[in-house]
PDB file of N, CA and C in Angstrom:
ATOM      1  N   MET A   1      67.050 -25.255  47.286  1.00  0.00           N
ATOM      2  CA  MET A   1      66.516 -23.983  46.348  1.00  0.00           C
ATOM      3  C   MET A   1      65.474 -23.273  46.914  1.00  0.00           C
ATOM      4  N   ASP A   2      65.027 -23.315  48.590  1.00  0.00           N
ATOM      5  CA  ASP A   2      63.917 -23.098  49.205  1.00  0.00           C
ATOM      6  C   ASP A   2      64.629 -21.255  49.090  1.00  0.00           C
ATOM      7  N   VAL A   3      65.792 -21.103  48.929  1.00  0.00           N
ATOM      8  CA  VAL A   3      66.139 -19.488  49.199  1.00  0.00           C
ATOM      9  C   VAL A   3      65.438 -18.851  48.180  1.00  0.00           C
ATOM     10  N   CYS A   4      66.128 -19.618  46.826  1.00  0.00           N
ATOM     11  CA  CYS A   4      65.555 -18.943  45.346  1.00  0.00           C
ATOM     12  C   CYS A   4      63.846 -19.037  45.048  1.00  0.00           C
ATOM     13  N   ASP A   5      63.189 -19.897  45.696  1.00  0.00           N
ATOM     14  CA  ASP A   5      61.728 -19.618  45.973  1.00  0.00           C
ATOM     15  C   ASP A   5      61.382 -18.620  46.274  1.00  0.00           C
ATOM     16  N   TRP A   6      61.747 -18.459  47.417  1.00  0.00           N
ATOM     17  CA  TRP A   6      61.401 -16.996  48.221  1.00  0.00           C
ATOM     18  C   TRP A   6      61.893 -15.942  47.701  1.00  0.00           C
ATOM     19  N   ILE A   7      63.097 -16.146  46.783  1.00  0.00           N
ATOM     20  CA  ILE A   7      63.513 -14.640  45.937  1.00  0.00           C
ATOM     21  C   ILE A   7      62.413 -14.644  44.994  1.00  0.00           C
ATOM     22  N   GLU A   8      61.999 -15.377  44.402  1.00  0.00           N
ATOM     23  CA  GLU A   8      61.199 -15.492  43.402  1.00  0.00           C
ATOM     24  C   GLU A   8      59.872 -14.746  43.804  1.00  0.00           C
ATOM     25  N   ARG A   9      59.226 -15.529  44.722  1.00  0.00           N
ATOM     26  CA  ARG A   9      57.687 -14.885  45.278  1.00  0.00           C
ATOM     27  C   ARG A   9      57.935 -13.417  45.987  1.00  0.00           C
ATOM     28  N   CYS A  10      59.471 -13.069  46.194  1.00  0.00           N
ATOM     29  CA  CYS A  10      59.283 -11.529  46.853  1.00  0.00           C
ATOM     30  C   CYS A  10      59.476 -10.803  45.391  1.00  0.00           C
ATOM     31  N   MET A  11      60.309 -11.208  44.061  1.00  0.00           N
ATOM     32  CA  MET A  11      60.358 -10.545  43.224  1.00  0.00           C
ATOM     33  C   MET A  11      58.573 -10.046  42.573  1.00  0.00           C
ATOM     34  N   ASN A  12      58.154 -11.423  42.588  1.00  0.00           N
ATOM     35  CA  ASN A  12      56.499 -10.952  42.005  1.00  0.00           C
ATOM     36  C   ASN A  12      55.368 -10.245  43.014  1.00  0.00           C
ATOM     37  N   GLY A  13      55.986 -10.608  44.273  1.00  0.00           N
ATOM     38  CA  GLY A  13      54.984  -9.217  45.053  1.00  0.00           C
ATOM     39  C   GLY A  13      55.744  -8.095  45.016  1.00  0.00           C
ATOM     40  N   HIS A  14      57.055  -7.648  44.231  1.00  0.00           N
ATOM     41  CA  HIS A  14      57.012  -6.510  44.311  1.00  0.00           C
ATOM     42  C   HIS A  14      56.872  -5.783  42.987  1.00  0.00           C
ATOM     43  N   GLY A  15      56.819  -6.621  42.211  1.00  0.00           N
ATOM     44  CA  GLY A  15      56.621  -6.384  40.748  1.00  0.00           C
ATOM     45  C   GLY A  15      57.762  -6.172  39.789  1.00  0.00           C
ATOM     46  N   ILE A  16      58.572  -6.725  40.144  1.00  0.00           N
ATOM     47  CA  ILE A  16      59.863  -7.264  39.434  1.00  0.00           C
ATOM     48  C   ILE A  16      59.539  -8.183  38.571  1.00  0.00           C
ATOM     49  N   GLU A  17      59.915  -7.789  36.970  1.00  0.00           N
ATOM     50  CA  GLU A  17      59.690  -8.815  35.967  1.00  0.00           C
ATOM     51  C   GLU A  17      61.171  -9.750  35.761  1.00  0.00           C
ATOM     52  N   PHE A  18      61.307 -10.794  35.426  1.00  0.00           N
ATOM     53  CA  PHE A  18      62.181 -11.435  35.140  1.00  0.00           C
ATOM     54  C   PHE A  18      62.548 -11.151  33.849  1.00  0.00           C
ATOM     55  N   LYS A  19      64.195 -10.753  32.945  1.00  0.00           N
ATOM     56  CA  LYS A  19      64.440 -10.344  32.249  1.00  0.00           C
ATOM     57  C   LYS A  19      65.500 -11.664  31.702  1.00  0.00           C
ATOM     58  N   HIS A  20      65.424 -11.659  30.549  1.00  0.00           N
ATOM     59  CA  HIS A  20      65.767 -12.887  29.741  1.00  0.00           C
ATOM     60  C   HIS A  20      66.376 -12.503  28.336  1.00  0.00           C
ATOM     61  N   GLY A  21      68.082 -12.777  27.968  1.00  0.00           N
ATOM     62  CA  GLY A  21      68.393 -12.356  26.553  1.00  0.00           C
ATOM     63  C   GLY A  21      69.191 -11.344  26.737  1.00  0.00           C
ATOM     64  N   LYS A  22      69.815 -10.887  25.489  1.00  0.00           N
ATOM     65  CA  LYS A  22      70.386  -9.734  25.225  1.00  0.00           C
ATOM     66  C   LYS A  22      69.883  -8.409  25.093  1.00  0.00           C
ATOM     67  N   GLY A  23      70.102  -7.558  25.846  1.00  0.00           N
ATOM     68  CA  GLY A  23      69.931  -5.948  25.549  1.00  0.00           C
ATOM     69  C   GLY A  23      68.836  -5.731  26.572  1.00  0.00           C
ATOM     70  N   LYS A  24      68.699  -6.520  27.688  1.00  0.00           N
ATOM     71  CA  LYS A  24      67.854  -6.031  28.249  1.00  0.00           C
ATOM     72  C   LYS A  24      68.622  -6.381  29.731  1.00  0.00           C
ATOM     73  N   ARG A  25      68.551  -4.702  30.611  1.00  0.00           N
ATOM     74  CA  ARG A  25      69.416  -5.038  32.060  1.00  0.00           C
ATOM     75  C   ARG A  25      68.730  -5.594  33.014  1.00  0.00           C
ATOM     76  N   LYS A  26      69.191  -6.606  33.669  1.00  0.00           N
ATOM     77  CA  LYS A  26      68.545  -7.554  34.787  1.00  0.00           C
ATOM     78  C   LYS A  26      68.188  -6.394  36.355  1.00  0.00           C
ATOM     79  N   HIS A  27      67.573  -6.827  37.118  1.00  0.00           N
ATOM     80  CA  HIS A  27      67.166  -5.738  38.192  1.00  0.00           C
ATOM     81  C   HIS A  27      68.462  -6.700  39.197  1.00  0.00           C
ATOM     82  N   LYS A  28      69.009  -6.178  40.082  1.00  0.00           N
ATOM     83  CA  LYS A  28      69.863  -6.306  40.834  1.00  0.00           C
ATOM     84  C   LYS A  28      69.183  -7.520  41.515  1.00  0.00           C
ATOM     85  N   VAL A  29      68.034  -7.586  42.114  1.00  0.00           N
ATOM     86  CA  VAL A  29      67.339  -8.749  42.820  1.00  0.00           C
ATOM     87  C   VAL A  29      67.901 -10.021  42.045  1.00  0.00           C
ATOM     88  N   GLN A  30      67.294  -9.764  40.612  1.00  0.00           N
ATOM     89  CA  GLN A  30      67.295 -10.789  39.438  1.00  0.00           C
ATOM     90  C   GLN A  30      68.808 -11.787  39.585  1.00  0.00           C
ATOM     91  N   ARG A  31      69.617 -10.457  39.709  1.00  0.00           N
ATOM     92  CA  ARG A  31      71.069 -11.129  39.203  1.00  0.00           C
ATOM     93  C   ARG A  31      71.466 -12.006  40.682  1.00  0.00           C
ATOM     94  N   TYR A  32      71.126 -11.170  41.737  1.00  0.00           N
ATOM     95  CA  TYR A  32      71.042 -12.252  43.070  1.00  0.00           C
ATOM     96  C   TYR A  32      70.775 -13.617  42.757  1.00  0.00           C
ATOM     97  N   TYR A  33      69.491 -13.675  42.357  1.00  0.00           N
ATOM     98  CA  TYR A  33      68.658 -14.872  41.744  1.00  0.00           C
ATOM     99  C   TYR A  33      69.577 -15.686  41.314  1.00  0.00           C
ATOM    100  N   ASP A  34      69.762 -15.338  40.311  1.00  0.00           N
ATOM    101  CA  ASP A  34      70.548 -16.379  39.349  1.00  0.00           C
ATOM    102  C   ASP A  34      72.029 -16.835  39.912  1.00  0.00           C
ATOM    103  N   GLU A  35      72.401 -15.741  40.083  1.00  0.00           N
ATOM    104  CA  GLU A  35      73.871 -16.351  41.145  1.00  0.00           C
ATOM    105  C   GLU A  35      73.732 -17.143  41.990  1.00  0.00           C
ATOM    106  N   LEU A  36      72.354 -17.255  43.182  1.00  0.00           N
ATOM    107  CA  LEU A  36      72.253 -18.218  44.219  1.00  0.00           C
ATOM    108  C   LEU A  36      71.852 -19.607  43.306  1.00  0.00           C
ATOM    109  N   LYS A  37      70.833 -19.484  42.097  1.00  0.00           N
ATOM    110  CA  LYS A  37      70.531 -20.750  41.748  1.00  0.00           C
ATOM    111  C   LYS A  37      71.865 -21.715  40.852  1.00  0.00           C
ATOM    112  N   GLU A  38      72.579 -20.773  40.479  1.00  0.00           N
ATOM    113  CA  GLU A  38      73.756 -21.428  39.384  1.00  0.00           C
ATOM    114  C   GLU A  38      74.868 -21.774  40.424  1.00  0.00           C
ATOM    115  N   TYR A  39      75.078 -21.674  42.040  1.00  0.00           N
ATOM    116  CA  TYR A  39      75.302 -22.054  42.966  1.00  0.00           C
ATOM    117  C   TYR A  39      74.874 -23.206  43.616  1.00  0.00           C
ATOM    118  N   GLY A  40      73.658 -23.011  43.739  1.00  0.00           N
ATOM    119  CA  GLY A  40      72.642 -24.459  44.094  1.00  0.00           C
ATOM    120  C   GLY A  40      73.063 -25.411  42.939  1.00  0.00           C
ATOM    121  N   LEU A  41      72.812 -25.205  41.764  1.00  0.00           N
ATOM    122  CA  LEU A  41      73.183 -26.548  40.697  1.00  0.00           C
ATOM    123  C   LEU A  41      74.922 -26.845  40.902  1.00  0.00           C
ATOM    124  N   LYS A  42      75.353 -25.861  41.198  1.00  0.00           N
ATOM    125  CA  LYS A  42      77.369 -26.664  41.027  1.00  0.00           C
ATOM    126  C   LYS A  42      77.053 -27.313  42.680  1.00  0.00           C
ATOM    127  N   MET A  43      76.568 -26.725  43.727  1.00  0.00           N
ATOM    128  CA  MET A  43      76.807 -27.697  44.974  1.00  0.00           C
ATOM    129  C   MET A  43      75.885 -29.047  44.639  1.00  0.00           C
ATOM    130  N   TYR A  44      74.841 -28.961  44.266  1.00  0.00           N
ATOM    131  CA  TYR A  44      74.254 -30.351  43.768  1.00  0.00           C
ATOM    132  C   TYR A  44      75.486 -31.119  42.925  1.00  0.00           C
ATOM    133  N   LYS A  45      76.083 -31.052  41.331  1.00  0.00           N
ATOM    134  CA  LYS A  45      76.816 -31.257  40.771  1.00  0.00           C
ATOM    135  C   LYS A  45      78.303 -31.968  42.169  1.00  0.00           C
ATOM    136  N   TYR A  46      78.477 -31.188  42.782  1.00  0.00           N
ATOM    137  CA  TYR A  46      79.802 -31.494  43.504  1.00  0.00           C
ATOM    138  C   TYR A  46      79.153 -32.446  44.872  1.00  0.00           C
ATOM    139  N   THR A  47      78.130 -32.373  45.248  1.00  0.00           N
ATOM    140  CA  THR A  47      77.762 -33.566  45.942  1.00  0.00           C
ATOM    141  C   THR A  47      77.694 -35.317  45.502  1.00  0.00           C
ATOM    142  N   LEU A  48      77.199 -34.867  43.820  1.00  0.00           N
ATOM    143  CA  LEU A  48      77.144 -35.682  43.242  1.00  0.00           C
ATOM    144  C   LEU A  48      78.689 -37.050  42.842  1.00  0.00           C
ATOM    145  N   HIS A  49      79.458 -35.818  42.686  1.00  0.00           N
ATOM    146  CA  HIS A  49      80.826 -35.970  42.498  1.00  0.00           C
ATOM    147  C   HIS A  49      81.445 -36.858  43.710  1.00  0.00           C
ATOM    148  N   ILE A  50      81.243 -36.548  44.911  1.00  0.00           N
ATOM    149  CA  ILE A  50      81.508 -36.780  46.354  1.00  0.00           C
ATOM    150  C   ILE A  50      80.986 -37.928  46.570  1.00  0.00           C
ATOM    151  N   ASP A  51      79.861 -38.356  45.898  1.00  0.00           N
ATOM    152  CA  ASP A  51      79.061 -39.450  46.205  1.00  0.00           C
ATOM    153  C   ASP A  51      79.940 -40.555  45.613  1.00  0.00           C
ATOM    154  N   ILE A  52      80.424 -40.515  43.856  1.00  0.00           N
ATOM    155  CA  ILE A  52      80.728 -41.029  43.091  1.00  0.00           C
ATOM    156  C   ILE A  52      82.028 -41.664  43.844  1.00  0.00           C
ATOM    157  N   LEU A  53      82.678 -40.452  44.117  1.00  0.00           N
ATOM    158  CA  LEU A  53      84.371 -40.532  44.730  1.00  0.00           C
ATOM    159  C   LEU A  53      84.428 -41.915  45.837  1.00  0.00           C
ATOM    160  N   ALA A  54      83.770 -41.685  46.967  1.00  0.00           N
ATOM    161  CA  ALA A  54      83.853 -42.504  48.160  1.00  0.00           C
ATOM    162  C   ALA A  54      85.042 -42.451  48.584  1.00  0.00           C
ATOM    163  N   GLU A  55      85.221 -44.073  48.618  1.00  0.00           N
ATOM    164  CA  GLU A  55      86.813 -44.167  49.076  1.00  0.00           C
ATOM    165  C   GLU A  55      87.624 -44.191  47.987  1.00  0.00           C
ATOM    166  N   ARG A  56      87.744 -44.065  46.914  1.00  0.00           N
ATOM    167  CA  ARG A  56      88.522 -43.740  46.016  1.00  0.00           C
ATOM    168  C   ARG A  56      89.452 -42.331  45.946  1.00  0.00           C
ATOM    169  N   ASN A  57      90.450 -42.428  45.239  1.00  0.00           N
ATOM    170  CA  ASN A  57      91.357 -40.894  45.151  1.00  0.00           C
ATOM    171  C   ASN A  57      91.014 -40.165  43.885  1.00  0.00           C
ATOM    172  N   SER A  58      90.466 -40.810  43.302  1.00  0.00           N
ATOM    173  CA  SER A  58      90.134 -39.555  41.653  1.00  0.00           C
ATOM    174  C   SER A  58      89.153 -41.073  41.038  1.00  0.00           C
ATOM    175  N   PHE A  59      88.485 -40.262  39.946  1.00  0.00           N
ATOM    176  CA  PHE A  59      87.407 -40.915  39.200  1.00  0.00           C
ATOM    177  C   PHE A  59      87.471 -39.748  38.270  1.00  0.00           C
ATOM    178  N   SER A  60      87.363 -40.603  36.754  1.00  0.00           N
ATOM    179  CA  SER A  60      86.608 -40.253  35.624  1.00  0.00           C
ATOM    180  C   SER A  60      85.432 -39.672  35.039  1.00  0.00           C
ATOM    181  N   LYS A  61      85.294 -38.231  34.762  1.00  0.00           N
ATOM    182  CA  LYS A  61      83.867 -37.398  34.693  1.00  0.00           C
ATOM    183  C   LYS A  61      83.383 -38.246  33.720  1.00  0.00           C
ATOM    184  N   THR A  62      84.359 -38.749  32.131  1.00  0.00           N
ATOM    185  CA  THR A  62      83.747 -39.699  31.389  1.00  0.00           C
ATOM    186  C   THR A  62      83.046 -40.902  31.876  1.00  0.00           C
ATOM    187  N   ASN A  63      83.953 -41.243  32.672  1.00  0.00           N
ATOM    188  CA  ASN A  63      83.650 -43.273  32.873  1.00  0.00           C
ATOM    189  C   ASN A  63      84.255 -43.082  34.191  1.00  0.00           C
ATOM    190  N   PRO A  64      82.405 -42.631  35.249  1.00  0.00           N
ATOM    191  CA  PRO A  64      82.747 -42.503  36.471  1.00  0.00           C
ATOM    192  C   PRO A  64      83.279 -43.726  37.355  1.00  0.00           C
ATOM    193  N   ASP A  65      83.099 -44.840  36.555  1.00  0.00           N
ATOM    194  CA  ASP A  65      83.682 -46.190  37.013  1.00  0.00           C
ATOM    195  C   ASP A  65      85.307 -46.548  36.878  1.00  0.00           C
ATOM    196  N   ALA A  66      85.709 -45.971  36.120  1.00  0.00           N
ATOM    197  CA  ALA A  66      87.349 -45.737  36.216  1.00  0.00           C
ATOM    198  C   ALA A  66      87.721 -45.221  36.992  1.00  0.00           C
ATOM    199  N   THR A  67      89.443 -45.333  37.280  1.00  0.00           N
ATOM    200  CA  THR A  67      89.898 -45.116  37.968  1.00  0.00           C
ATOM    201  C   THR A  67      90.858 -44.168  37.158  1.00  0.00           C
ATOM    202  N   PHE A  68      91.674 -43.429  37.757  1.00  0.00           N
ATOM    203  CA  PHE A  68      93.115 -42.572  36.706  1.00  0.00           C
ATOM    204  C   PHE A  68      94.187 -43.410  37.412  1.00  0.00           C
ATOM    205  N   MET A  69      94.865 -43.995  36.241  1.00  0.00           N
ATOM    206  CA  MET A  69      96.215 -44.692  36.572  1.00  0.00           C
ATOM    207  C   MET A  69      97.165 -44.414  35.335  1.00  0.00           C
ATOM    208  N   HIS A  70      98.328 -44.796  35.640  1.00  0.00           N
ATOM    209  CA  HIS A  70      99.319 -44.468  35.144  1.00  0.00           C
ATOM    210  C   HIS A  70      99.988 -45.533  33.820  1.00  0.00           C
ATOM    211  N   MET A  71      99.780 -45.333  33.044  1.00  0.00           N
ATOM    212  CA  MET A  71      99.407 -46.230  31.878  1.00  0.00           C
ATOM    213  C   MET A  71     101.301 -46.050  31.183  1.00  0.00           C
ATOM    214  N   LYS A  72     101.433 -47.418  30.905  1.00  0.00           N
ATOM    215  CA  LYS A  72     102.684 -47.990  30.474  1.00  0.00           C
ATOM    216  C   LYS A  72     103.429 -47.093  29.399  1.00  0.00           C
ATOM    217  N   TYR A  73     102.302 -47.008  28.115  1.00  0.00           N
ATOM    218  CA  TYR A  73     102.676 -46.666  27.004  1.00  0.00           C
ATOM    219  C   TYR A  73     101.670 -45.315  26.754  1.00  0.00           C
ATOM    220  N   ASP A  74     102.280 -44.486  26.282  1.00  0.00           N
ATOM    221  CA  ASP A  74     101.257 -43.784  26.099  1.00  0.00           C
ATOM    222  C   ASP A  74     101.492 -42.971  24.214  1.00  0.00           C
ATOM    223  N   TYR A  75     100.483 -43.153  23.352  1.00  0.00           N
ATOM    224  CA  TYR A  75     100.782 -43.346  21.739  1.00  0.00           C
ATOM    225  C   TYR A  75     101.553 -41.722  21.420  1.00  0.00           C
ATOM    226  N   TYR A  76     101.547 -40.470  21.854  1.00  0.00           N
ATOM    227  CA  TYR A  76     101.935 -39.512  21.993  1.00  0.00           C
ATOM    228  C   TYR A  76     103.289 -39.469  22.463  1.00  0.00           C
ATOM    229  N   ASN A  77     103.567 -40.662  23.373  1.00  0.00           N
ATOM    230  CA  ASN A  77     105.136 -40.618  24.544  1.00  0.00           C
ATOM    231  C   ASN A  77     105.011 -39.300  25.308  1.00  0.00           C
ATOM    232  N   ASN A  78     103.884 -38.897  25.829  1.00  0.00           N
ATOM    233  CA  ASN A  78     103.264 -38.445  27.210  1.00  0.00           C
ATOM    234  C   ASN A  78     103.254 -38.816  28.378  1.00  0.00           C
ATOM    235  N   THR A  79     104.693 -38.787  28.872  1.00  0.00           N
ATOM    236  CA  THR A  79     105.039 -39.598  29.998  1.00  0.00           C
ATOM    237  C   THR A  79     104.576 -38.811  31.256  1.00  0.00           C
ATOM    238  N   GLY A  80     103.948 -39.513  32.059  1.00  0.00           N
ATOM    239  CA  GLY A  80     102.788 -38.980  33.692  1.00  0.00           C
ATOM    240  C   GLY A  80     102.096 -38.542  33.376  1.00  0.00           C
ATOM    241  N   VAL A  81     101.298 -38.588  31.793  1.00  0.00           N
ATOM    242  CA  VAL A  81      99.812 -38.660  31.782  1.00  0.00           C
ATOM    243  C   VAL A  81      98.929 -39.786  32.332  1.00  0.00           C
ATOM    244  N   PHE A  82      98.076 -39.607  33.295  1.00  0.00           N
ATOM    245  CA  PHE A  82      97.522 -40.448  34.119  1.00  0.00           C
ATOM    246  C   PHE A  82      95.988 -40.460  33.067  1.00  0.00           C
ATOM    247  N   LYS A  83      95.582 -41.600  32.878  1.00  0.00           N
ATOM    248  CA  LYS A  83      94.354 -41.904  31.917  1.00  0.00           C
ATOM    249  C   LYS A  83      93.196 -42.985  32.678  1.00  0.00           C
ATOM    250  N   PRO A  84      92.160 -42.776  32.329  1.00  0.00           N
ATOM    251  CA  PRO A  84      91.056 -43.736  33.420  1.00  0.00           C
ATOM    252  C   PRO A  84      91.073 -44.936  32.701  1.00  0.00           C
ATOM    253  N   GLY A  85      91.267 -46.000  34.305  1.00  0.00           N
ATOM    254  CA  GLY A  85      91.920 -47.410  33.588  1.00  0.00           C
ATOM    255  C   GLY A  85      91.038 -48.243  34.417  1.00  0.00           C
ATOM    256  N   TYR A  86      91.040 -49.489  34.454  1.00  0.00           N
ATOM    257  CA  TYR A  86      90.442 -50.578  35.234  1.00  0.00           C
ATOM    258  C   TYR A  86      91.989 -51.400  35.325  1.00  0.00           C
ATOM    259  N   ASN A  87      91.725 -52.260  36.549  1.00  0.00           N
ATOM    260  CA  ASN A  87      92.818 -52.911  36.815  1.00  0.00           C
ATOM    261  C   ASN A  87      92.381 -54.460  36.632  1.00  0.00           C
ATOM    262  N   VAL A  88      92.760 -55.079  35.358  1.00  0.00           N
ATOM    263  CA  VAL A  88      92.140 -56.322  34.758  1.00  0.00           C
ATOM    264  C   VAL A  88      93.185 -57.649  35.525  1.00  0.00           C
ATOM    265  N   GLN A  89      93.064 -58.612  35.956  1.00  0.00           N
ATOM    266  CA  GLN A  89      93.835 -59.768  36.449  1.00  0.00           C
ATOM    267  C   GLN A  89      93.087 -60.970  35.719  1.00  0.00           C
ATOM    268  N   MET A  90      94.186 -62.136  35.346  1.00  0.00           N
ATOM    269  CA  MET A  90      93.229 -63.050  34.973  1.00  0.00           C
ATOM    270  C   MET A  90      94.453 -64.139  35.201  1.00  0.00           C
ATOM    271  N   GLY A  91      93.736 -65.074  35.918  1.00  0.00           N
ATOM    272  CA  GLY A  91      94.413 -66.506  36.384  1.00  0.00           C
ATOM    273  C   GLY A  91      94.368 -67.507  35.302  1.00  0.00           C
ATOM    274  N   VAL A  92      95.709 -68.147  35.118  1.00  0.00           N
ATOM    275  CA  VAL A  92      95.147 -69.171  33.914  1.00  0.00           C
ATOM    276  C   VAL A  92      96.073 -70.161  34.299  1.00  0.00           C
ATOM    277  N   SER A  93      95.692 -71.176  33.990  1.00  0.00           N
ATOM    278  CA  SER A  93      95.841 -72.292  34.270  1.00  0.00           C
ATOM    279  C   SER A  93      95.838 -73.664  33.114  1.00  0.00           C
ATOM    280  N   SER A  94      96.801 -74.091  32.837  1.00  0.00           N
ATOM    281  CA  SER A  94      96.952 -75.260  31.706  1.00  0.00           C
ATOM    282  C   SER A  94      96.256 -74.697  30.465  1.00  0.00           C
ATOM    283  N   GLU A  95      96.471 -73.384  30.297  1.00  0.00           N
ATOM    284  CA  GLU A  95      96.184 -72.601  28.759  1.00  0.00           C
ATOM    285  C   GLU A  95      94.474 -72.284  29.019  1.00  0.00           C
ATOM    286  N   TYR A  96      93.705 -72.622  30.294  1.00  0.00           N
ATOM    287  CA  TYR A  96      92.662 -71.791  30.346  1.00  0.00           C
ATOM    288  C   TYR A  96      92.300 -71.116  31.533  1.00  0.00           C
ATOM    289  N   ILE A  97      91.757 -70.077  31.210  1.00  0.00           N
ATOM    290  CA  ILE A  97      91.730 -69.026  31.944  1.00  0.00           C
ATOM    291  C   ILE A  97      90.648 -69.602  33.252  1.00  0.00           C
ATOM    292  N   ARG A  98      91.063 -69.519  34.371  1.00  0.00           N
ATOM    293  CA  ARG A  98      89.960 -69.614  35.289  1.00  0.00           C
ATOM    294  C   ARG A  98      89.608 -68.788  36.363  1.00  0.00           C
ATOM    295  N   HIS A  99      90.229 -67.995  36.218  1.00  0.00           N
ATOM    296  CA  HIS A  99      89.642 -66.602  37.113  1.00  0.00           C
ATOM    297  C   HIS A  99      89.934 -65.189  36.482  1.00  0.00           C
ATOM    298  N   ILE A 100      88.844 -64.321  36.622  1.00  0.00           N
ATOM    299  CA  ILE A 100      89.400 -63.144  36.263  1.00  0.00           C
ATOM    300  C   ILE A 100      88.389 -61.826  37.136  1.00  0.00           C
ATOM    301  N   TYR A 101      89.780 -61.086  36.868  1.00  0.00           N
ATOM    302  CA  TYR A 101      89.549 -59.825  38.247  1.00  0.00           C
ATOM    303  C   TYR A 101      89.134 -58.494  38.184  1.00  0.00           C
ATOM    304  N   ILE A 102      88.377 -57.933  37.977  1.00  0.00           N
ATOM    305  CA  ILE A 102      88.318 -56.569  37.106  1.00  0.00           C
ATOM    306  C   ILE A 102      87.868 -55.631  37.951  1.00  0.00           C
ATOM    307  N   SER A 103      88.564 -54.626  38.271  1.00  0.00           N
ATOM    308  CA  SER A 103      88.185 -53.589  39.359  1.00  0.00           C
ATOM    309  C   SER A 103      88.634 -52.083  39.061  1.00  0.00           C
ATOM    310  N   ALA A 104      87.932 -51.287  39.915  1.00  0.00           N
ATOM    311  CA  ALA A 104      88.816 -49.497  39.477  1.00  0.00           C
ATOM    312  C   ALA A 104      89.480 -49.278  40.125  1.00  0.00           C
ATOM    313  N   ASP A 105      90.498 -50.508  41.156  1.00  0.00           N
ATOM    314  CA  ASP A 105      90.985 -49.847  42.219  1.00  0.00           C
ATOM    315  C   ASP A 105      92.497 -49.891  41.406  1.00  0.00           C
ATOM    316  N   ALA A 106      93.436 -49.263  41.681  1.00  0.00           N
ATOM    317  CA  ALA A 106      94.411 -49.336  41.113  1.00  0.00           C
ATOM    318  C   ALA A 106      96.065 -50.099  41.602  1.00  0.00           C
ATOM    319  N   GLY A 107      95.848 -51.336  42.864  1.00  0.00           N
ATOM    320  CA  GLY A 107      96.282 -51.918  43.678  1.00  0.00           C
ATOM    321  C   GLY A 107      95.829 -53.348  43.150  1.00  0.00           C
ATOM    322  N   TYR A 108      96.619 -54.274  43.536  1.00  0.00           N
ATOM    323  CA  TYR A 108      96.596 -55.491  43.279  1.00  0.00           C
ATOM    324  C   TYR A 108      95.360 -56.309  44.088  1.00  0.00           C
ATOM    325  N   GLY A 109      94.396 -57.158  43.420  1.00  0.00           N
ATOM    326  CA  GLY A 109      93.225 -57.478  44.159  1.00  0.00           C
ATOM    327  C   GLY A 109      93.699 -58.652  44.839  1.00  0.00           C
TER     328      GLY A 109
END
């Protein structure tokens, strides 16, 4: 955000005031400033999403640990709809749970 800081200093140096709210016309430089600031925030958000994604193909914004998977039954019968989910596998021996595996990948563990 160094560019935004530089633009802000230039605006203050030239006596351009920041306008906020309805009914006030923004200066051309302030519009550029607001646009750059918005792009910077979007880039930051995108880098966070890329960091979360890492080696996976997808992730849910509501539950970043989950991966989108195709569920067998959907309540509204919307076939082909992917939902965030986890891959849960259990190993059972003589009616006792011996091993539990939970992961976000869609493949078998």
